[in-house]
């Protein structure tokens, strides 16, 4: 007996499930990012952290596909956390979402092991595309000017 898969089932299979960990020291920012991500089918925010040390712990215990990480946080900054996470969980992708609209800071983030970098002021515009790109192991960077967006 041949089995058939309905068109809606095929579409559901094609949706890429992405497990996301949000890390920012401001609860209102985490909530805003979570709201932006919640509308994407198949994506799930599986946890939140408020500093770099907590990010390292949750990265190991939750094993997300993508971590959305801030740079400036208490106890351990995002760059330090990124380096540690990259050593401990090399398969996870890291996307910085930060207030720092700086080419130098972006270079430091990528050198620390991040796959993406987005400025918070443009998160509504760039976040979904950035998460999609880094989840596919592609680099995504976007500073404040639209012509500085790069996805490869």
N, C-alpha and C. Protein backbone atom coordinates (compact mmCIF):
# COMPACT_ATOMS: atom_id res chain seq x y z
N UNK A 1 0.85 -1.18 0.00
CA UNK A 1 0.00 0.00 0.00
C UNK A 1 0.89 1.23 0.00
N UNK A 2 0.72 2.08 -0.98
CA UNK A 2 1.54 3.29 -1.10
C UNK A 2 1.02 4.35 -0.15
N UNK A 3 1.95 5.04 0.46
CA UNK A 3 1.53 6.13 1.34
C UNK A 3 1.73 7.44 0.61
N UNK A 4 0.85 8.36 0.86
CA UNK A 4 0.99 9.68 0.23
C UNK A 4 1.11 10.73 1.32
N UNK A 5 1.90 11.75 1.01
CA UNK A 5 2.08 12.84 1.96
C UNK A 5 1.34 14.05 1.40
N UNK A 6 0.51 14.65 2.22
CA UNK A 6 -0.26 15.81 1.78
C UNK A 6 0.67 17.00 1.55
N UNK A 7 0.18 17.96 0.78
CA UNK A 7 0.97 19.16 0.49
C UNK A 7 1.31 19.91 1.77
N UNK A 8 0.38 19.96 2.73
CA UNK A 8 0.67 20.67 3.98
C UNK A 8 1.73 19.94 4.80
N UNK A 9 1.72 18.60 4.74
CA UNK A 9 2.76 17.83 5.43
C UNK A 9 4.12 18.06 4.80
N UNK A 10 4.16 18.11 3.47
CA UNK A 10 5.43 18.37 2.79
C UNK A 10 5.96 19.75 3.16
N UNK A 11 5.07 20.74 3.22
CA UNK A 11 5.48 22.10 3.58
C UNK A 11 6.01 22.12 5.01
N UNK A 12 5.36 21.38 5.89
CA UNK A 12 5.82 21.35 7.29
C UNK A 12 7.19 20.70 7.38
N UNK A 13 7.44 19.68 6.57
CA UNK A 13 8.75 19.03 6.59
C UNK A 13 9.84 19.95 6.08
N UNK A 14 9.48 20.86 5.16
CA UNK A 14 10.46 21.76 4.58
C UNK A 14 10.83 22.91 5.51
N UNK A 15 10.01 23.18 6.53
CA UNK A 15 10.31 24.24 7.48
C UNK A 15 11.47 23.79 8.35
N UNK A 16 12.51 24.59 8.36
CA UNK A 16 13.69 24.21 9.13
C UNK A 16 13.50 24.60 10.59
N UNK A 17 13.54 23.61 11.45
CA UNK A 17 13.42 23.87 12.88
C UNK A 17 14.74 24.43 13.40
N UNK A 18 14.68 25.53 14.11
CA UNK A 18 15.87 26.17 14.67
C UNK A 18 15.60 26.43 16.14
N UNK A 19 16.49 25.91 16.99
CA UNK A 19 16.40 26.11 18.44
C UNK A 19 17.33 27.27 18.80
N UNK A 20 16.77 28.29 19.48
CA UNK A 20 17.48 29.55 19.71
C UNK A 20 17.59 29.85 21.20
N UNK A 21 18.78 30.30 21.60
CA UNK A 21 19.03 30.79 22.96
C UNK A 21 19.27 32.29 22.88
N UNK A 22 18.52 33.08 23.64
CA UNK A 22 18.65 34.53 23.68
C UNK A 22 19.48 34.96 24.88
N UNK A 23 20.48 35.82 24.65
CA UNK A 23 21.34 36.28 25.74
C UNK A 23 21.49 37.79 25.67
N UNK A 24 20.93 38.47 26.66
CA UNK A 24 21.04 39.92 26.79
C UNK A 24 20.74 40.27 28.24
N UNK A 25 21.43 41.28 28.77
CA UNK A 25 21.23 41.62 30.17
C UNK A 25 19.97 42.43 30.42
N UNK A 26 19.28 42.84 29.38
CA UNK A 26 18.05 43.62 29.54
C UNK A 26 16.84 42.75 29.19
N UNK A 27 15.98 42.45 30.18
CA UNK A 27 14.80 41.61 29.93
C UNK A 27 13.91 42.15 28.82
N UNK A 28 13.77 43.45 28.71
CA UNK A 28 12.89 44.03 27.68
C UNK A 28 13.45 43.76 26.28
N UNK A 29 14.77 43.75 26.15
CA UNK A 29 15.39 43.44 24.86
C UNK A 29 15.16 41.96 24.52
N UNK A 30 15.36 41.08 25.50
CA UNK A 30 15.11 39.66 25.26
C UNK A 30 13.67 39.44 24.83
N UNK A 31 12.74 40.12 25.49
CA UNK A 31 11.32 39.95 25.15
C UNK A 31 11.05 40.44 23.73
N UNK A 32 11.63 41.56 23.36
CA UNK A 32 11.45 42.08 22.01
C UNK A 32 12.00 41.15 20.95
N UNK A 33 13.20 40.61 21.20
CA UNK A 33 13.80 39.67 20.25
C UNK A 33 12.95 38.40 20.16
N UNK A 34 12.47 37.94 21.30
CA UNK A 34 11.63 36.75 21.34
C UNK A 34 10.36 36.96 20.53
N UNK A 35 9.77 38.13 20.65
CA UNK A 35 8.57 38.45 19.89
C UNK A 35 8.84 38.44 18.39
N UNK A 36 9.97 39.02 17.98
CA UNK A 36 10.33 39.01 16.56
C UNK A 36 10.53 37.58 16.04
N UNK A 37 11.16 36.74 16.84
CA UNK A 37 11.46 35.37 16.41
C UNK A 37 10.24 34.45 16.46
N UNK A 38 9.29 34.75 17.35
CA UNK A 38 8.14 33.88 17.57
C UNK A 38 7.27 33.72 16.33
N UNK A 39 7.27 34.71 15.47
CA UNK A 39 6.42 34.64 14.29
C UNK A 39 6.94 33.74 13.18
N UNK A 40 8.14 33.23 13.33
CA UNK A 40 8.71 32.39 12.27
C UNK A 40 8.38 30.92 12.53
N UNK A 41 7.70 30.27 11.60
CA UNK A 41 7.32 28.86 11.79
C UNK A 41 8.55 27.97 11.98
N UNK A 42 8.48 27.11 12.97
CA UNK A 42 9.54 26.14 13.19
C UNK A 42 10.66 26.62 14.08
N UNK A 43 10.72 27.89 14.36
CA UNK A 43 11.77 28.42 15.23
C UNK A 43 11.27 28.42 16.66
N UNK A 44 12.15 28.08 17.59
CA UNK A 44 11.76 28.01 18.99
C UNK A 44 12.84 28.63 19.87
N UNK A 45 12.43 29.58 20.70
CA UNK A 45 13.34 30.11 21.71
C UNK A 45 13.31 29.14 22.87
N UNK A 46 14.42 28.43 23.07
CA UNK A 46 14.45 27.36 24.07
C UNK A 46 15.00 27.81 25.42
N UNK A 47 15.52 29.05 25.47
CA UNK A 47 16.03 29.54 26.73
C UNK A 47 16.52 30.96 26.63
N UNK A 48 16.78 31.54 27.79
CA UNK A 48 17.28 32.91 27.88
C UNK A 48 18.36 32.97 28.95
N UNK A 49 19.28 33.91 28.77
CA UNK A 49 20.33 34.15 29.76
C UNK A 49 20.57 35.65 29.83
N UNK A 50 21.09 36.11 30.99
CA UNK A 50 21.26 37.56 31.19
C UNK A 50 22.72 38.00 31.29
N UNK A 51 23.66 37.06 31.18
CA UNK A 51 25.07 37.44 31.17
C UNK A 51 25.88 36.35 30.49
N UNK A 52 27.15 36.63 30.27
CA UNK A 52 28.00 35.70 29.55
C UNK A 52 28.22 34.37 30.24
N UNK A 53 28.36 34.39 31.56
CA UNK A 53 28.58 33.13 32.29
C UNK A 53 27.36 32.22 32.18
N UNK A 54 26.18 32.82 32.33
CA UNK A 54 24.95 32.05 32.19
C UNK A 54 24.81 31.53 30.75
N UNK A 55 25.25 32.33 29.79
CA UNK A 55 25.20 31.92 28.37
C UNK A 55 26.04 30.67 28.13
N UNK A 56 27.24 30.65 28.70
CA UNK A 56 28.13 29.48 28.55
C UNK A 56 27.47 28.25 29.15
N UNK A 57 26.91 28.38 30.35
CA UNK A 57 26.25 27.25 31.01
C UNK A 57 25.05 26.74 30.20
N UNK A 58 24.21 27.67 29.75
CA UNK A 58 23.00 27.26 29.02
C UNK A 58 23.33 26.73 27.62
N UNK A 59 24.39 27.22 27.02
CA UNK A 59 24.81 26.69 25.72
C UNK A 59 25.14 25.21 25.84
N UNK A 60 25.82 24.86 26.92
CA UNK A 60 26.20 23.46 27.14
C UNK A 60 25.00 22.59 27.49
N UNK A 61 24.11 23.10 28.34
CA UNK A 61 22.99 22.28 28.79
C UNK A 61 21.85 22.20 27.77
N UNK A 62 21.57 23.29 27.05
CA UNK A 62 20.43 23.32 26.13
C UNK A 62 20.80 22.94 24.69
N UNK A 63 22.05 23.15 24.32
CA UNK A 63 22.54 22.83 22.96
C UNK A 63 21.67 23.45 21.86
N UNK A 64 21.52 24.78 21.86
CA UNK A 64 20.73 25.41 20.79
C UNK A 64 21.47 25.33 19.45
N UNK A 65 20.74 25.57 18.38
CA UNK A 65 21.35 25.66 17.05
C UNK A 65 22.00 27.02 16.86
N UNK A 66 21.32 28.06 17.39
CA UNK A 66 21.77 29.44 17.25
C UNK A 66 21.66 30.14 18.60
N UNK A 67 22.70 30.89 18.93
CA UNK A 67 22.66 31.76 20.11
C UNK A 67 22.66 33.20 19.62
N UNK A 68 21.69 33.98 20.10
CA UNK A 68 21.65 35.42 19.84
C UNK A 68 22.24 36.07 21.07
N UNK A 69 23.36 36.79 20.90
CA UNK A 69 24.21 37.20 22.02
C UNK A 69 24.52 38.69 21.95
N UNK A 70 24.46 39.37 23.10
CA UNK A 70 24.85 40.77 23.21
C UNK A 70 26.34 40.83 23.51
N UNK A 71 26.97 41.97 23.26
CA UNK A 71 28.39 42.15 23.55
C UNK A 71 28.58 42.60 25.00
N UNK A 72 27.91 43.69 25.39
CA UNK A 72 28.14 44.30 26.69
C UNK A 72 27.16 43.74 27.72
N UNK A 73 27.72 42.94 28.66
CA UNK A 73 26.90 42.32 29.71
C UNK A 73 27.74 42.20 30.98
N UNK A 74 27.07 42.04 32.13
CA UNK A 74 27.81 41.86 33.39
C UNK A 74 28.44 40.47 33.49
N UNK A 75 29.33 40.32 34.46
CA UNK A 75 30.04 39.09 34.81
C UNK A 75 30.96 38.57 33.72
N UNK A 76 30.50 38.47 32.48
CA UNK A 76 31.35 38.07 31.36
C UNK A 76 30.74 38.67 30.11
N UNK A 77 31.56 39.40 29.35
CA UNK A 77 31.00 40.02 28.14
C UNK A 77 30.78 38.98 27.05
N UNK A 78 30.07 39.39 26.02
CA UNK A 78 29.70 38.48 24.95
C UNK A 78 30.88 37.95 24.16
N UNK A 79 31.92 38.76 23.99
CA UNK A 79 33.09 38.30 23.23
C UNK A 79 33.79 37.15 23.96
N UNK A 80 33.97 37.31 25.27
CA UNK A 80 34.59 36.24 26.06
C UNK A 80 33.72 34.98 26.05
N UNK A 81 32.42 35.19 26.22
CA UNK A 81 31.49 34.06 26.21
C UNK A 81 31.54 33.35 24.86
N UNK A 82 31.59 34.10 23.78
CA UNK A 82 31.64 33.54 22.44
C UNK A 82 32.87 32.63 22.28
N UNK A 83 34.02 33.11 22.72
CA UNK A 83 35.24 32.31 22.61
C UNK A 83 35.12 30.99 23.37
N UNK A 84 34.58 31.05 24.59
CA UNK A 84 34.41 29.83 25.40
C UNK A 84 33.40 28.87 24.77
N UNK A 85 32.30 29.43 24.33
CA UNK A 85 31.24 28.61 23.73
C UNK A 85 31.75 27.94 22.46
N UNK A 86 32.50 28.66 21.68
CA UNK A 86 33.05 28.12 20.43
C UNK A 86 33.94 26.91 20.74
N UNK A 87 34.70 26.96 21.84
CA UNK A 87 35.55 25.83 22.24
C UNK A 87 34.72 24.64 22.72
N UNK A 88 33.68 24.93 23.51
CA UNK A 88 32.91 23.86 24.14
C UNK A 88 31.82 23.28 23.25
N UNK A 89 31.21 24.09 22.42
CA UNK A 89 30.13 23.63 21.54
C UNK A 89 30.36 24.18 20.14
N UNK A 90 31.34 23.63 19.42
CA UNK A 90 31.73 24.20 18.13
C UNK A 90 30.65 24.15 17.05
N UNK A 91 29.67 23.29 17.16
CA UNK A 91 28.64 23.21 16.12
C UNK A 91 27.57 24.29 16.21
N UNK A 92 27.47 24.96 17.35
CA UNK A 92 26.45 25.99 17.53
C UNK A 92 26.89 27.28 16.85
N UNK A 93 25.96 27.96 16.23
CA UNK A 93 26.26 29.24 15.58
C UNK A 93 25.89 30.39 16.52
N UNK A 94 26.68 31.46 16.44
CA UNK A 94 26.48 32.62 17.31
C UNK A 94 26.25 33.85 16.46
N UNK A 95 25.18 34.57 16.81
CA UNK A 95 24.82 35.82 16.15
C UNK A 95 24.83 36.92 17.21
N UNK A 96 25.67 37.92 17.03
CA UNK A 96 25.65 39.06 17.94
C UNK A 96 24.57 40.03 17.50
N UNK A 97 23.76 40.47 18.46
CA UNK A 97 22.79 41.55 18.27
C UNK A 97 23.15 42.57 19.34
N UNK A 98 23.68 43.71 18.91
CA UNK A 98 24.32 44.63 19.85
C UNK A 98 24.08 46.09 19.48
N UNK A 99 24.31 46.96 20.45
CA UNK A 99 24.20 48.40 20.21
C UNK A 99 25.43 48.95 19.50
N UNK A 100 26.52 48.19 19.46
CA UNK A 100 27.80 48.67 18.93
C UNK A 100 27.80 48.66 17.41
N UNK A 101 27.60 49.83 16.82
CA UNK A 101 27.59 50.01 15.37
C UNK A 101 29.01 50.34 14.92
N UNK A 102 29.89 49.37 15.04
CA UNK A 102 31.32 49.60 14.84
C UNK A 102 31.94 48.50 14.00
N UNK A 103 32.59 48.84 12.89
CA UNK A 103 33.27 47.82 12.09
C UNK A 103 34.34 47.08 12.91
N UNK A 104 35.02 47.78 13.80
CA UNK A 104 36.04 47.13 14.60
C UNK A 104 35.43 46.10 15.56
N UNK A 105 34.33 46.47 16.22
CA UNK A 105 33.66 45.53 17.13
C UNK A 105 33.12 44.34 16.34
N UNK A 106 32.61 44.60 15.15
CA UNK A 106 32.10 43.51 14.32
C UNK A 106 33.24 42.54 13.98
N UNK A 107 34.41 43.07 13.62
CA UNK A 107 35.57 42.21 13.33
C UNK A 107 35.95 41.38 14.54
N UNK A 108 35.96 42.01 15.73
CA UNK A 108 36.30 41.29 16.96
C UNK A 108 35.31 40.16 17.22
N UNK A 109 34.03 40.42 16.97
CA UNK A 109 33.00 39.39 17.18
C UNK A 109 33.21 38.21 16.24
N UNK A 110 33.49 38.49 14.99
CA UNK A 110 33.71 37.42 14.02
C UNK A 110 35.00 36.65 14.34
N UNK A 111 36.03 37.37 14.77
CA UNK A 111 37.28 36.72 15.16
C UNK A 111 37.10 35.85 16.41
N UNK A 112 36.16 36.23 17.28
CA UNK A 112 35.88 35.45 18.48
C UNK A 112 35.13 34.16 18.16
N UNK A 113 34.58 34.08 16.94
CA UNK A 113 33.89 32.86 16.53
C UNK A 113 32.44 33.03 16.15
N UNK A 114 31.94 34.26 16.17
CA UNK A 114 30.55 34.49 15.77
C UNK A 114 30.41 34.31 14.26
N UNK A 115 29.21 33.97 13.82
CA UNK A 115 28.92 33.84 12.40
C UNK A 115 28.18 35.07 11.89
N UNK A 116 27.58 35.87 12.83
CA UNK A 116 26.81 37.02 12.40
C UNK A 116 26.88 38.17 13.38
N UNK A 117 26.51 39.36 12.88
CA UNK A 117 26.58 40.59 13.67
C UNK A 117 25.51 41.55 13.15
N UNK A 118 24.59 41.94 14.03
CA UNK A 118 23.50 42.84 13.69
C UNK A 118 23.40 43.94 14.74
N UNK A 119 23.13 45.15 14.31
CA UNK A 119 22.96 46.28 15.23
C UNK A 119 21.52 46.28 15.75
N UNK A 120 21.36 46.46 17.07
CA UNK A 120 20.03 46.41 17.69
C UNK A 120 19.04 47.37 17.06
N UNK A 121 19.51 48.55 16.68
CA UNK A 121 18.58 49.54 16.12
C UNK A 121 17.95 49.05 14.82
N UNK A 122 18.54 48.04 14.20
CA UNK A 122 18.00 47.48 12.95
C UNK A 122 17.54 46.03 13.11
N UNK A 123 17.39 45.58 14.35
CA UNK A 123 17.02 44.18 14.57
C UNK A 123 15.69 43.83 13.90
N UNK A 124 14.74 44.72 13.94
CA UNK A 124 13.44 44.43 13.31
C UNK A 124 13.61 44.17 11.82
N UNK A 125 14.56 44.83 11.21
CA UNK A 125 14.81 44.67 9.78
C UNK A 125 15.67 43.45 9.48
N UNK A 126 16.69 43.20 10.30
CA UNK A 126 17.74 42.24 9.95
C UNK A 126 17.72 40.91 10.71
N UNK A 127 17.03 40.84 11.85
CA UNK A 127 17.16 39.68 12.72
C UNK A 127 16.76 38.36 12.06
N UNK A 128 15.60 38.30 11.43
CA UNK A 128 15.13 37.04 10.87
C UNK A 128 16.07 36.54 9.76
N UNK A 129 16.48 37.45 8.90
CA UNK A 129 17.40 37.08 7.82
C UNK A 129 18.74 36.62 8.40
N UNK A 130 19.19 37.28 9.46
CA UNK A 130 20.47 36.93 10.08
C UNK A 130 20.41 35.54 10.73
N UNK A 131 19.34 35.25 11.47
CA UNK A 131 19.19 33.94 12.09
C UNK A 131 19.14 32.85 11.02
N UNK A 132 18.39 33.09 9.98
CA UNK A 132 18.30 32.13 8.87
C UNK A 132 19.69 31.87 8.28
N UNK A 133 20.45 32.93 8.03
CA UNK A 133 21.78 32.78 7.43
C UNK A 133 22.72 32.02 8.35
N UNK A 134 22.83 32.43 9.60
CA UNK A 134 23.79 31.76 10.49
C UNK A 134 23.38 30.32 10.78
N UNK A 135 22.09 30.04 10.79
CA UNK A 135 21.63 28.66 11.01
C UNK A 135 22.07 27.75 9.87
N UNK A 136 22.32 28.35 8.72
CA UNK A 136 22.81 27.60 7.55
C UNK A 136 24.32 27.74 7.39
N UNK A 137 24.96 28.18 8.47
CA UNK A 137 26.42 28.32 8.54
C UNK A 137 26.97 29.34 7.55
N UNK A 138 26.15 30.36 7.27
CA UNK A 138 26.59 31.47 6.41
C UNK A 138 26.83 32.70 7.27
N UNK A 139 27.77 33.52 6.87
CA UNK A 139 28.07 34.76 7.58
C UNK A 139 27.00 35.80 7.24
N UNK A 140 26.55 36.54 8.26
CA UNK A 140 25.62 37.65 8.04
C UNK A 140 26.08 38.81 8.90
N UNK A 141 26.38 39.94 8.26
CA UNK A 141 26.76 41.13 9.02
C UNK A 141 25.95 42.32 8.52
N UNK A 142 25.53 43.16 9.46
CA UNK A 142 24.76 44.35 9.10
C UNK A 142 25.00 45.45 10.12
N UNK A 143 25.70 46.47 9.69
CA UNK A 143 25.85 47.65 10.53
C UNK A 143 24.67 48.57 10.24
N UNK A 144 24.71 49.80 10.70
CA UNK A 144 23.55 50.67 10.63
C UNK A 144 23.15 51.06 9.21
N UNK A 145 24.08 51.14 8.30
CA UNK A 145 23.74 51.51 6.92
C UNK A 145 23.30 50.28 6.15
N UNK A 146 22.23 50.39 5.41
CA UNK A 146 21.67 49.23 4.68
C UNK A 146 22.69 48.65 3.69
N UNK A 147 23.52 49.50 3.11
CA UNK A 147 24.45 48.97 2.12
C UNK A 147 25.61 48.22 2.76
N UNK A 148 25.63 48.12 4.08
CA UNK A 148 26.68 47.37 4.75
C UNK A 148 26.23 45.96 5.11
N UNK A 149 25.06 45.56 4.65
CA UNK A 149 24.57 44.20 4.91
C UNK A 149 25.32 43.23 4.01
N UNK A 150 25.79 42.15 4.62
CA UNK A 150 26.53 41.15 3.88
C UNK A 150 26.10 39.78 4.34
N UNK A 151 25.68 38.95 3.41
CA UNK A 151 25.34 37.57 3.71
C UNK A 151 26.02 36.67 2.70
N UNK A 152 26.87 35.78 3.21
CA UNK A 152 27.54 34.85 2.30
C UNK A 152 27.76 33.51 2.95
